[in-house]
Amino acid sequence: MPPRNQLFFVKQPMRKIILVAALAAAMPLPCLSQVTDDVKRNEDVVRHFVEGINRRDVQSAVLDLAEDAKNIGRPGGRESMRHVLEDIFTTFPDYHYDIEEMIAQGDSVAVRCKVSGTHRGIGKLPVNGGMLVGVEPTQKHFEIQHIHWFKLRDGKIVDHYATRDDIGMMRQLGLLPTATPVPTNPK
């Protein structure tokens, strides 16, 4: 008896699955390349946004935002973020981000960075934890860690969230007392 085709004895639904899997394995994956290109583009947009901030170029930075961008889940778009950045630069003229790590996947880019600045102006908006509104400049420098999470669509930032060490910043600026170590063996 001649050898029989093994695929012939596989039930119809399973044959379709095997055929589709074989075709998928044999075809080039242009969509995978597109995903990689989109992730790279998203990283580049976030880098450009941060570079604009570091140059104190508000116009350049806000052009990386979508017209309807949200900041910490709140709508406001480019104009709202323009006011936020201008207030930060008034309060900290040397405000600076150093990206220490960047991770991107799909439409998300997460950045861990060191942020620094010198308190030389009076804040008017409740940014940076809202604790600097109306506060006289201390002339002190701070350096803290931030984590920023960006969502992008079509090469523009559509949403931004941040986790910042605002308490650490306020302590370094001399506006909050430094933490007192708690004894590990109180008597």
C-alpha atoms as a PDB file:
ATOM      1  CA  MET A   1       0.000   0.000   0.000  1.00  0.00           C
ATOM      2  CA  PRO A   2       1.476   3.438  -0.951  1.00  0.00           C
ATOM      3  CA  PRO A   3       2.265   5.844   1.917  1.00  0.00           C
ATOM      4  CA  ARG A   4      -0.641   8.078   2.621  1.00  0.00           C
ATOM      5  CA  ASN A   5      -0.447  11.837   2.984  1.00  0.00           C
ATOM      6  CA  GLN A   6      -0.516  12.517   6.711  1.00  0.00           C
ATOM      7  CA  LEU A   7      -2.390  15.790   6.215  1.00  0.00           C
ATOM      8  CA  PHE A   8      -5.223  13.912   4.464  1.00  0.00           C
ATOM      9  CA  PHE A   9      -6.200  12.187   7.711  1.00  0.00           C
ATOM     10  CA  VAL A  10      -6.298  15.406   9.755  1.00  0.00           C
ATOM     11  CA  LYS A  11      -9.838  16.675  10.237  1.00  0.00           C
ATOM     12  CA  GLN A  12     -10.969  19.634   8.117  1.00  0.00           C
ATOM     13  CA  PRO A  13     -10.802  22.426  10.806  1.00  0.00           C
ATOM     14  CA  MET A  14      -7.349  21.330  11.878  1.00  0.00           C
ATOM     15  CA  ARG A  15      -6.179  21.246   8.232  1.00  0.00           C
ATOM     16  CA  LYS A  16      -7.157  24.911   7.900  1.00  0.00           C
ATOM     17  CA  ILE A  17      -5.208  25.837  11.015  1.00  0.00           C
ATOM     18  CA  ILE A  18      -2.121  23.981   9.799  1.00  0.00           C
ATOM     19  CA  LEU A  19      -2.392  25.589   6.349  1.00  0.00           C
ATOM     20  CA  VAL A  20      -2.790  29.111   7.778  1.00  0.00           C
ATOM     21  CA  ALA A  21       0.125  28.567  10.181  1.00  0.00           C
ATOM     22  CA  ALA A  22       2.348  27.300   7.354  1.00  0.00           C
ATOM     23  CA  LEU A  23       1.457  30.255   5.134  1.00  0.00           C
ATOM     24  CA  ALA A  24       2.040  32.723   7.974  1.00  0.00           C
ATOM     25  CA  ALA A  25       5.445  31.207   8.693  1.00  0.00           C
ATOM     26  CA  ALA A  26       6.445  31.390   5.034  1.00  0.00           C
ATOM     27  CA  MET A  27       5.366  35.002   4.432  1.00  0.00           C
ATOM     28  CA  PRO A  28       7.508  38.040   5.210  1.00  0.00           C
ATOM     29  CA  LEU A  29       6.404  40.116   8.159  1.00  0.00           C
ATOM     30  CA  PRO A  30       6.159  43.716   6.941  1.00  0.00           C
ATOM     31  CA  CYS A  31       3.735  44.531   9.731  1.00  0.00           C
ATOM     32  CA  LEU A  32       6.364  43.576  12.337  1.00  0.00           C
ATOM     33  CA  SER A  33       8.720  46.039  10.681  1.00  0.00           C
ATOM     34  CA  GLN A  34       5.964  48.675  10.814  1.00  0.00           C
ATOM     35  CA  VAL A  35       5.465  48.070  14.540  1.00  0.00           C
ATOM     36  CA  THR A  36       9.204  48.458  15.127  1.00  0.00           C
ATOM     37  CA  ASP A  37       9.234  51.670  13.048  1.00  0.00           C
ATOM     38  CA  ASP A  38       6.264  53.063  15.002  1.00  0.00           C
ATOM     39  CA  VAL A  39       7.928  52.292  18.355  1.00  0.00           C
ATOM     40  CA  LYS A  40      11.159  53.955  17.181  1.00  0.00           C
ATOM     41  CA  ARG A  41       9.196  56.985  15.964  1.00  0.00           C
ATOM     42  CA  ASN A  42       7.426  57.218  19.339  1.00  0.00           C
ATOM     43  CA  GLU A  43      10.772  57.136  21.170  1.00  0.00           C
ATOM     44  CA  ASP A  44      12.093  59.865  18.857  1.00  0.00           C
ATOM     45  CA  VAL A  45       9.031  62.056  19.509  1.00  0.00           C
ATOM     46  CA  VAL A  46       9.472  61.764  23.287  1.00  0.00           C
ATOM     47  CA  ARG A  47      13.214  62.491  23.005  1.00  0.00           C
ATOM     48  CA  HIS A  48      12.443  65.551  20.866  1.00  0.00           C
ATOM     49  CA  PHE A  49       9.843  66.713  23.416  1.00  0.00           C
ATOM     50  CA  VAL A  50      12.379  66.419  26.256  1.00  0.00           C
ATOM     51  CA  GLU A  51      15.088  68.147  24.185  1.00  0.00           C
ATOM     52  CA  GLY A  52      12.680  71.052  23.558  1.00  0.00           C
ATOM     53  CA  ILE A  53      12.093  71.324  27.306  1.00  0.00           C
ATOM     54  CA  ASN A  54      15.833  71.239  27.995  1.00  0.00           C
ATOM     55  CA  ARG A  55      16.340  74.090  25.497  1.00  0.00           C
ATOM     56  CA  ARG A  56      13.406  75.944  27.087  1.00  0.00           C
ATOM     57  CA  ASP A  57      11.838  75.938  23.631  1.00  0.00           C
ATOM     58  CA  VAL A  58       8.174  75.774  24.582  1.00  0.00           C
ATOM     59  CA  GLN A  59       6.998  76.065  20.976  1.00  0.00           C
ATOM     60  CA  SER A  60       9.070  73.083  19.857  1.00  0.00           C
ATOM     61  CA  ALA A  61       7.976  70.962  22.831  1.00  0.00           C
ATOM     62  CA  VAL A  62       4.245  71.624  22.434  1.00  0.00           C
ATOM     63  CA  LEU A  63       4.368  70.791  18.722  1.00  0.00           C
ATOM     64  CA  ASP A  64       5.106  67.204  19.785  1.00  0.00           C
ATOM     65  CA  LEU A  65       1.681  67.152  21.480  1.00  0.00           C
ATOM     66  CA  ALA A  66      -1.618  66.387  19.799  1.00  0.00           C
ATOM     67  CA  GLU A  67      -4.067  69.296  19.737  1.00  0.00           C
ATOM     68  CA  ASP A  68      -6.275  67.398  22.208  1.00  0.00           C
ATOM     69  CA  ALA A  69      -3.465  66.068  24.419  1.00  0.00           C
ATOM     70  CA  LYS A  70      -4.170  65.282  28.053  1.00  0.00           C
ATOM     71  CA  ASN A  71      -1.834  65.883  30.965  1.00  0.00           C
ATOM     72  CA  ILE A  72      -2.302  63.492  33.882  1.00  0.00           C
ATOM     73  CA  GLY A  73      -5.640  62.497  32.391  1.00  0.00           C
ATOM     74  CA  ARG A  74      -6.935  66.065  32.220  1.00  0.00           C
ATOM     75  CA  PRO A  75      -7.871  67.604  28.871  1.00  0.00           C
ATOM     76  CA  GLY A  76      -6.218  70.864  27.946  1.00  0.00           C
ATOM     77  CA  GLY A  77      -4.268  70.289  24.786  1.00  0.00           C
ATOM     78  CA  ARG A  78      -1.199  72.157  23.659  1.00  0.00           C
ATOM     79  CA  GLU A  79      -2.203  75.502  25.164  1.00  0.00           C
ATOM     80  CA  SER A  80      -2.592  74.078  28.649  1.00  0.00           C
ATOM     81  CA  MET A  81       0.806  72.380  28.418  1.00  0.00           C
ATOM     82  CA  ARG A  82       2.332  75.598  27.057  1.00  0.00           C
ATOM     83  CA  HIS A  83       1.203  77.411  30.241  1.00  0.00           C
ATOM     84  CA  VAL A  84       2.503  74.579  32.439  1.00  0.00           C
ATOM     85  CA  LEU A  85       5.948  74.669  30.787  1.00  0.00           C
ATOM     86  CA  GLU A  86       6.136  78.457  30.923  1.00  0.00           C
ATOM     87  CA  ASP A  87       5.324  78.369  34.650  1.00  0.00           C
ATOM     88  CA  ILE A  88       7.962  75.683  35.269  1.00  0.00           C
ATOM     89  CA  PHE A  89      10.573  77.768  33.402  1.00  0.00           C
ATOM     90  CA  THR A  90       9.599  80.871  35.392  1.00  0.00           C
ATOM     91  CA  THR A  91       9.984  78.966  38.644  1.00  0.00           C
ATOM     92  CA  PHE A  92      13.096  77.011  37.558  1.00  0.00           C
ATOM     93  CA  PRO A  93      14.917  78.819  34.709  1.00  0.00           C
ATOM     94  CA  ASP A  94      17.505  75.995  34.495  1.00  0.00           C
ATOM     95  CA  TYR A  95      14.942  73.143  34.600  1.00  0.00           C
ATOM     96  CA  HIS A  96      16.487  70.064  32.997  1.00  0.00           C
ATOM     97  CA  TYR A  97      15.630  66.415  32.236  1.00  0.00           C
ATOM     98  CA  ASP A  98      18.306  63.745  31.932  1.00  0.00           C
ATOM     99  CA  ILE A  99      16.772  60.610  30.455  1.00  0.00           C
ATOM    100  CA  GLU A 100      18.317  57.665  32.281  1.00  0.00           C
ATOM    101  CA  GLU A 101      16.141  54.923  30.829  1.00  0.00           C
ATOM    102  CA  MET A 102      13.479  54.670  28.138  1.00  0.00           C
ATOM    103  CA  ILE A 103      11.187  51.750  27.405  1.00  0.00           C
ATOM    104  CA  ALA A 104       8.755  51.728  24.493  1.00  0.00           C
ATOM    105  CA  GLN A 105       6.098  49.266  23.445  1.00  0.00           C
ATOM    106  CA  GLY A 106       3.217  49.825  21.087  1.00  0.00           C
ATOM    107  CA  ASP A 107       1.850  53.332  21.604  1.00  0.00           C
ATOM    108  CA  SER A 108       3.474  53.793  25.046  1.00  0.00           C
ATOM    109  CA  VAL A 109       6.847  55.247  26.008  1.00  0.00           C
ATOM    110  CA  ALA A 110       8.001  55.253  29.629  1.00  0.00           C
ATOM    111  CA  VAL A 111      10.953  57.382  30.712  1.00  0.00           C
ATOM    112  CA  ARG A 112      12.862  57.324  33.981  1.00  0.00           C
ATOM    113  CA  CYS A 113      14.790  60.520  34.318  1.00  0.00           C
ATOM    114  CA  LYS A 114      16.707  62.770  36.649  1.00  0.00           C
ATOM    115  CA  VAL A 115      15.146  66.232  36.830  1.00  0.00           C
ATOM    116  CA  SER A 116      16.918  69.244  38.247  1.00  0.00           C
ATOM    117  CA  GLY A 117      16.536  72.976  38.593  1.00  0.00           C
ATOM    118  CA  THR A 118      17.176  76.012  40.781  1.00  0.00           C
ATOM    119  CA  HIS A 119      14.233  77.745  42.461  1.00  0.00           C
ATOM    120  CA  ARG A 120      14.550  81.316  41.150  1.00  0.00           C
ATOM    121  CA  GLY A 121      10.962  82.359  40.417  1.00  0.00           C
ATOM    122  CA  ILE A 122       7.459  82.332  41.858  1.00  0.00           C
ATOM    123  CA  GLY A 123       5.112  79.655  40.552  1.00  0.00           C
ATOM    124  CA  LYS A 124       1.604  80.689  39.550  1.00  0.00           C
ATOM    125  CA  LEU A 125       0.129  77.338  38.514  1.00  0.00           C
ATOM    126  CA  PRO A 126      -0.370  74.260  40.713  1.00  0.00           C
ATOM    127  CA  VAL A 127       2.295  72.171  38.968  1.00  0.00           C
ATOM    128  CA  ASN A 128       5.085  70.132  40.581  1.00  0.00           C
ATOM    129  CA  GLY A 129       2.689  68.969  43.263  1.00  0.00           C
ATOM    130  CA  GLY A 130       1.096  72.414  43.582  1.00  0.00           C
ATOM    131  CA  MET A 131       3.326  73.350  46.518  1.00  0.00           C
ATOM    132  CA  LEU A 132       5.203  76.248  44.899  1.00  0.00           C
ATOM    133  CA  VAL A 133       2.319  78.597  44.041  1.00  0.00           C
ATOM    134  CA  GLY A 134       3.211  82.019  45.445  1.00  0.00           C
ATOM    135  CA  VAL A 135       6.344  80.744  47.211  1.00  0.00           C
ATOM    136  CA  GLU A 136       9.319  83.132  47.258  1.00  0.00           C
ATOM    137  CA  PRO A 137      12.397  81.711  45.508  1.00  0.00           C
ATOM    138  CA  THR A 138      14.809  79.866  47.766  1.00  0.00           C
ATOM    139  CA  GLN A 139      17.686  80.045  45.252  1.00  0.00           C
ATOM    140  CA  LYS A 140      18.332  76.370  46.088  1.00  0.00           C
ATOM    141  CA  HIS A 141      18.968  73.613  43.579  1.00  0.00           C
ATOM    142  CA  PHE A 142      17.151  70.265  43.483  1.00  0.00           C
ATOM    143  CA  GLU A 143      17.755  66.953  41.728  1.00  0.00           C
ATOM    144  CA  ILE A 144      15.134  64.201  41.875  1.00  0.00           C
ATOM    145  CA  GLN A 145      13.814  61.195  39.970  1.00  0.00           C
ATOM    146  CA  HIS A 146      10.732  61.277  37.751  1.00  0.00           C
ATOM    147  CA  ILE A 147       8.945  58.604  35.756  1.00  0.00           C
ATOM    148  CA  HIS A 148       6.935  59.861  32.775  1.00  0.00           C
ATOM    149  CA  TRP A 149       4.518  57.726  30.780  1.00  0.00           C
ATOM    150  CA  PHE A 150       3.541  58.967  27.343  1.00  0.00           C
ATOM    151  CA  LYS A 151       0.836  57.625  25.023  1.00  0.00           C
ATOM    152  CA  LEU A 152       1.248  58.480  21.342  1.00  0.00           C
ATOM    153  CA  ARG A 153      -0.953  58.421  18.260  1.00  0.00           C
ATOM    154  CA  ASP A 154       0.180  59.249  14.726  1.00  0.00           C
ATOM    155  CA  GLY A 155       3.531  60.614  15.940  1.00  0.00           C
ATOM    156  CA  LYS A 156       2.049  62.946  18.581  1.00  0.00           C
ATOM    157  CA  ILE A 157       1.812  62.705  22.365  1.00  0.00           C
ATOM    158  CA  VAL A 158      -1.863  62.303  23.288  1.00  0.00           C
ATOM    159  CA  ASP A 159      -1.524  61.619  27.009  1.00  0.00           C
ATOM    160  CA  HIS A 160       1.114  62.093  29.685  1.00  0.00           C
ATOM    161  CA  TYR A 161       1.328  60.846  33.264  1.00  0.00           C
ATOM    162  CA  ALA A 162       4.137  61.382  35.747  1.00  0.00           C
ATOM    163  CA  THR A 163       5.295  60.107  39.095  1.00  0.00           C
ATOM    164  CA  ARG A 164       7.624  62.603  40.747  1.00  0.00           C
ATOM    165  CA  ASP A 165       9.419  62.954  44.044  1.00  0.00           C
ATOM    166  CA  ASP A 166       7.782  66.289  44.922  1.00  0.00           C
ATOM    167  CA  ILE A 167       8.460  65.816  48.648  1.00  0.00           C
ATOM    168  CA  GLY A 168      12.170  65.264  47.919  1.00  0.00           C
ATOM    169  CA  MET A 169      12.210  68.398  45.763  1.00  0.00           C
ATOM    170  CA  MET A 170      10.548  70.467  48.511  1.00  0.00           C
ATOM    171  CA  ARG A 171      13.055  69.153  51.070  1.00  0.00           C
ATOM    172  CA  GLN A 172      16.020  70.023  48.840  1.00  0.00           C
ATOM    173  CA  LEU A 173      14.568  73.500  48.322  1.00  0.00           C
ATOM    174  CA  GLY A 174      14.391  73.924  52.116  1.00  0.00           C
ATOM    175  CA  LEU A 175      10.594  74.216  52.081  1.00  0.00           C
ATOM    176  CA  LEU A 176       9.964  71.013  54.054  1.00  0.00           C
ATOM    177  CA  PRO A 177      12.018  69.557  56.878  1.00  0.00           C
ATOM    178  CA  THR A 178      14.391  66.770  55.988  1.00  0.00           C
ATOM    179  CA  ALA A 179      13.305  63.329  57.008  1.00  0.00           C
ATOM    180  CA  THR A 180      14.412  62.272  60.458  1.00  0.00           C
ATOM    181  CA  PRO A 181      15.756  58.728  60.481  1.00  0.00           C
ATOM    182  CA  VAL A 182      13.593  56.378  62.504  1.00  0.00           C
ATOM    183  CA  PRO A 183      15.590  54.145  64.814  1.00  0.00           C
ATOM    184  CA  THR A 184      15.321  50.509  63.868  1.00  0.00           C
ATOM    185  CA  ASN A 185      15.585  49.417  67.505  1.00  0.00           C
ATOM    186  CA  PRO A 186      13.631  51.954  69.600  1.00  0.00           C
ATOM    187  CA  LYS A 187      14.041  51.596  73.385  1.00  0.00           C
END
